[in-house]
Amino acid sequence: MLLIGGTIAIGCAYVATLAFGAPPPWANWLLALGTASTPVGLFTLGAVTRGVHSRRLALLLGVLFVVLFASFGAALAMAPDEGAGGPLFVGLPVRLAIVFYGVGFVPLLALPMAFAKTFRDDGSDASDSSARSAS
């Protein structure tokens, strides 16, 4: 549902931009919503395909959605007058830092560790099941 809904939201935002010439404000937010929903939908699809159903994983994916949407939303809500000589956050312009760290860096660190712990705890390790069947 998230994957399909996110893809449709992204498509509608692109169609609105093409139809109106300049993107209407709601199209930007629709794009942010779709861009946050699509990866969460992909991760959910991957977890369900492997048979993993846990509250911790659902919580992780919910937090991921909030972080992604908040990062894109904060960047969209900022005033567009950021230019040369503007404020920096950890060496990057503030808008770029929000997107870079919120969309790229934080999920890159948190997701692999969380998924490894979740799959190990749920017994979904393929090498573990093959070792059990051999004995």
C-alpha atoms as a PDB file:
ATOM      1  CA  MET A   1       0.000   0.000   0.000  1.00  0.00           C
ATOM      2  CA  LEU A   2       2.763   2.464   0.916  1.00  0.00           C
ATOM      3  CA  LEU A   3       4.776   1.591  -2.163  1.00  0.00           C
ATOM      4  CA  ILE A   4       1.840   1.991  -4.537  1.00  0.00           C
ATOM      5  CA  GLY A   5       0.532   5.109  -2.765  1.00  0.00           C
ATOM      6  CA  GLY A   6       3.988   6.708  -2.718  1.00  0.00           C
ATOM      7  CA  THR A   7       4.534   5.991  -6.391  1.00  0.00           C
ATOM      8  CA  ILE A   8       1.132   7.455  -7.276  1.00  0.00           C
ATOM      9  CA  ALA A   9       1.858  10.551  -5.158  1.00  0.00           C
ATOM     10  CA  ILE A  10       5.184  11.098  -6.925  1.00  0.00           C
ATOM     11  CA  GLY A  11       3.523  10.625 -10.320  1.00  0.00           C
ATOM     12  CA  CYS A  12       0.732  13.090  -9.466  1.00  0.00           C
ATOM     13  CA  ALA A  13       3.298  15.675  -8.347  1.00  0.00           C
ATOM     14  CA  TYR A  14       5.142  15.332 -11.667  1.00  0.00           C
ATOM     15  CA  VAL A  15       1.908  15.517 -13.677  1.00  0.00           C
ATOM     16  CA  ALA A  16       0.830  18.642 -11.774  1.00  0.00           C
ATOM     17  CA  THR A  17       4.192  20.254 -12.460  1.00  0.00           C
ATOM     18  CA  LEU A  18       3.965  19.450 -16.156  1.00  0.00           C
ATOM     19  CA  ALA A  19       0.346  20.633 -16.354  1.00  0.00           C
ATOM     20  CA  PHE A  20       0.808  23.940 -14.506  1.00  0.00           C
ATOM     21  CA  GLY A  21       4.317  24.835 -15.668  1.00  0.00           C
ATOM     22  CA  ALA A  22       5.501  25.619 -12.154  1.00  0.00           C
ATOM     23  CA  PRO A  23       4.772  23.188  -9.341  1.00  0.00           C
ATOM     24  CA  PRO A  24       1.846  24.239  -7.151  1.00  0.00           C
ATOM     25  CA  PRO A  25       2.660  24.177  -3.412  1.00  0.00           C
ATOM     26  CA  TRP A  26       0.595  21.029  -2.820  1.00  0.00           C
ATOM     27  CA  ALA A  27       2.604  19.196  -5.488  1.00  0.00           C
ATOM     28  CA  ASN A  28       5.810  19.787  -3.516  1.00  0.00           C
ATOM     29  CA  TRP A  29       4.239  18.283  -0.388  1.00  0.00           C
ATOM     30  CA  LEU A  30       2.802  15.410  -2.411  1.00  0.00           C
ATOM     31  CA  LEU A  31       6.306  14.709  -3.726  1.00  0.00           C
ATOM     32  CA  ALA A  32       7.711  14.793  -0.173  1.00  0.00           C
ATOM     33  CA  LEU A  33       4.993  12.406   1.001  1.00  0.00           C
ATOM     34  CA  GLY A  34       5.605  10.019  -1.895  1.00  0.00           C
ATOM     35  CA  THR A  35       9.364  10.180  -1.475  1.00  0.00           C
ATOM     36  CA  ALA A  36       9.015   9.263   2.203  1.00  0.00           C
ATOM     37  CA  SER A  37       6.420   6.520   1.571  1.00  0.00           C
ATOM     38  CA  THR A  38       8.166   4.679  -1.261  1.00  0.00           C
ATOM     39  CA  PRO A  39      11.319   3.471   0.566  1.00  0.00           C
ATOM     40  CA  VAL A  40       9.291   2.549   3.647  1.00  0.00           C
ATOM     41  CA  GLY A  41       6.986   0.533   1.384  1.00  0.00           C
ATOM     42  CA  LEU A  42       9.976  -1.215  -0.188  1.00  0.00           C
ATOM     43  CA  PHE A  43      11.429  -2.090   3.217  1.00  0.00           C
ATOM     44  CA  THR A  44       8.036  -3.360   4.378  1.00  0.00           C
ATOM     45  CA  LEU A  45       7.678  -5.492   1.262  1.00  0.00           C
ATOM     46  CA  GLY A  46      11.139  -6.973   1.845  1.00  0.00           C
ATOM     47  CA  ALA A  47      10.406  -7.776   5.472  1.00  0.00           C
ATOM     48  CA  VAL A  48       7.000  -9.337   4.769  1.00  0.00           C
ATOM     49  CA  THR A  49       8.455 -11.414   1.917  1.00  0.00           C
ATOM     50  CA  ARG A  50      10.952 -12.898   4.385  1.00  0.00           C
ATOM     51  CA  GLY A  51       8.153 -13.628   6.842  1.00  0.00           C
ATOM     52  CA  VAL A  52       9.225 -11.098   9.452  1.00  0.00           C
ATOM     53  CA  HIS A  53       6.376  -9.563  11.464  1.00  0.00           C
ATOM     54  CA  SER A  54       7.485  -7.677  14.552  1.00  0.00           C
ATOM     55  CA  ARG A  55       6.412  -4.609  16.444  1.00  0.00           C
ATOM     56  CA  ARG A  56       9.988  -3.358  16.593  1.00  0.00           C
ATOM     57  CA  LEU A  57      10.255  -3.460  12.819  1.00  0.00           C
ATOM     58  CA  ALA A  58       6.920  -1.657  12.443  1.00  0.00           C
ATOM     59  CA  LEU A  59       8.118   0.985  14.903  1.00  0.00           C
ATOM     60  CA  LEU A  60      11.415   1.334  13.037  1.00  0.00           C
ATOM     61  CA  LEU A  61       9.638   1.792   9.711  1.00  0.00           C
ATOM     62  CA  GLY A  62       7.231   4.301  11.254  1.00  0.00           C
ATOM     63  CA  VAL A  63      10.119   6.324  12.656  1.00  0.00           C
ATOM     64  CA  LEU A  64      11.872   6.123   9.285  1.00  0.00           C
ATOM     65  CA  PHE A  65       8.781   7.522   7.555  1.00  0.00           C
ATOM     66  CA  VAL A  66       8.572  10.387  10.057  1.00  0.00           C
ATOM     67  CA  VAL A  67      12.290  11.219   9.685  1.00  0.00           C
ATOM     68  CA  LEU A  68      12.116  11.185   5.877  1.00  0.00           C
ATOM     69  CA  PHE A  69       8.936  13.241   5.684  1.00  0.00           C
ATOM     70  CA  ALA A  70      10.145  15.691   8.352  1.00  0.00           C
ATOM     71  CA  SER A  71      13.456  16.164   6.532  1.00  0.00           C
ATOM     72  CA  PHE A  72      11.807  16.871   3.192  1.00  0.00           C
ATOM     73  CA  GLY A  73       9.107  18.960   4.877  1.00  0.00           C
ATOM     74  CA  ALA A  74      11.630  21.090   6.765  1.00  0.00           C
ATOM     75  CA  ALA A  75      13.571  21.726   3.571  1.00  0.00           C
ATOM     76  CA  LEU A  76      10.341  22.694   1.764  1.00  0.00           C
ATOM     77  CA  ALA A  77       9.154  24.950   4.593  1.00  0.00           C
ATOM     78  CA  MET A  78      12.380  26.964   4.738  1.00  0.00           C
ATOM     79  CA  ALA A  79      12.477  30.383   3.138  1.00  0.00           C
ATOM     80  CA  PRO A  80      13.833  30.205  -0.417  1.00  0.00           C
ATOM     81  CA  ASP A  81      16.294  33.080   0.089  1.00  0.00           C
ATOM     82  CA  GLU A  82      19.216  30.897   1.112  1.00  0.00           C
ATOM     83  CA  GLY A  83      22.248  31.959  -0.874  1.00  0.00           C
ATOM     84  CA  ALA A  84      25.985  32.435  -0.764  1.00  0.00           C
ATOM     85  CA  GLY A  85      27.155  33.520   2.648  1.00  0.00           C
ATOM     86  CA  GLY A  86      24.105  31.985   4.368  1.00  0.00           C
ATOM     87  CA  PRO A  87      24.245  29.987   7.570  1.00  0.00           C
ATOM     88  CA  LEU A  88      26.016  26.625   7.562  1.00  0.00           C
ATOM     89  CA  PHE A  89      25.322  23.480   9.557  1.00  0.00           C
ATOM     90  CA  VAL A  90      28.266  21.061   9.804  1.00  0.00           C
ATOM     91  CA  GLY A  91      29.821  22.691   6.756  1.00  0.00           C
ATOM     92  CA  LEU A  92      26.729  22.536   4.536  1.00  0.00           C
ATOM     93  CA  PRO A  93      23.981  25.058   3.797  1.00  0.00           C
ATOM     94  CA  VAL A  94      21.138  24.403   6.224  1.00  0.00           C
ATOM     95  CA  ARG A  95      18.603  23.143   3.668  1.00  0.00           C
ATOM     96  CA  LEU A  96      21.135  20.745   2.124  1.00  0.00           C
ATOM     97  CA  ALA A  97      22.274  19.571   5.567  1.00  0.00           C
ATOM     98  CA  ILE A  98      18.701  18.734   6.581  1.00  0.00           C
ATOM     99  CA  VAL A  99      18.138  16.623   3.484  1.00  0.00           C
ATOM    100  CA  PHE A 100      21.622  15.081   3.458  1.00  0.00           C
ATOM    101  CA  TYR A 101      21.622  14.016   7.094  1.00  0.00           C
ATOM    102  CA  GLY A 102      17.903  13.314   7.492  1.00  0.00           C
ATOM    103  CA  VAL A 103      17.410  11.396   4.254  1.00  0.00           C
ATOM    104  CA  GLY A 104      20.844   9.943   3.640  1.00  0.00           C
ATOM    105  CA  PHE A 105      23.097   9.700   6.645  1.00  0.00           C
ATOM    106  CA  VAL A 106      20.778   8.784   9.539  1.00  0.00           C
ATOM    107  CA  PRO A 107      18.944   5.959   7.665  1.00  0.00           C
ATOM    108  CA  LEU A 108      22.275   4.727   6.292  1.00  0.00           C
ATOM    109  CA  LEU A 109      23.527   4.172   9.836  1.00  0.00           C
ATOM    110  CA  ALA A 110      20.341   3.085  11.577  1.00  0.00           C
ATOM    111  CA  LEU A 111      18.611   0.781   9.088  1.00  0.00           C
ATOM    112  CA  PRO A 112      21.281  -1.907   8.553  1.00  0.00           C
ATOM    113  CA  MET A 113      21.808  -2.345  12.273  1.00  0.00           C
ATOM    114  CA  ALA A 114      18.094  -2.445  13.037  1.00  0.00           C
ATOM    115  CA  PHE A 115      17.286  -4.864  10.237  1.00  0.00           C
ATOM    116  CA  ALA A 116      20.176  -7.171  11.174  1.00  0.00           C
ATOM    117  CA  LYS A 117      18.969  -7.292  14.773  1.00  0.00           C
ATOM    118  CA  THR A 118      15.328  -7.796  13.753  1.00  0.00           C
ATOM    119  CA  PHE A 119      16.016 -10.611  11.295  1.00  0.00           C
ATOM    120  CA  ARG A 120      18.395 -12.366  13.693  1.00  0.00           C
ATOM    121  CA  ASP A 121      15.903 -12.195  16.564  1.00  0.00           C
ATOM    122  CA  ASP A 122      13.055 -13.556  14.426  1.00  0.00           C
ATOM    123  CA  GLY A 123      15.037 -16.589  13.253  1.00  0.00           C
ATOM    124  CA  SER A 124      15.044 -15.533   9.626  1.00  0.00           C
ATOM    125  CA  ASP A 125      18.735 -16.192   9.096  1.00  0.00           C
ATOM    126  CA  ALA A 126      19.103 -18.541   6.111  1.00  0.00           C
ATOM    127  CA  SER A 127      22.404 -20.034   7.269  1.00  0.00           C
ATOM    128  CA  ASP A 128      20.881 -20.821  10.656  1.00  0.00           C
ATOM    129  CA  SER A 129      17.917 -22.697   9.136  1.00  0.00           C
ATOM    130  CA  SER A 130      20.161 -24.730   6.801  1.00  0.00           C
ATOM    131  CA  ALA A 131      22.352 -25.726   9.767  1.00  0.00           C
ATOM    132  CA  ARG A 132      19.270 -26.908  11.668  1.00  0.00           C
ATOM    133  CA  SER A 133      17.979 -28.973   8.748  1.00  0.00           C
ATOM    134  CA  ALA A 134      21.372 -30.683   8.286  1.00  0.00           C
ATOM    135  CA  SER A 135      21.416 -32.036  11.846  1.00  0.00           C
END
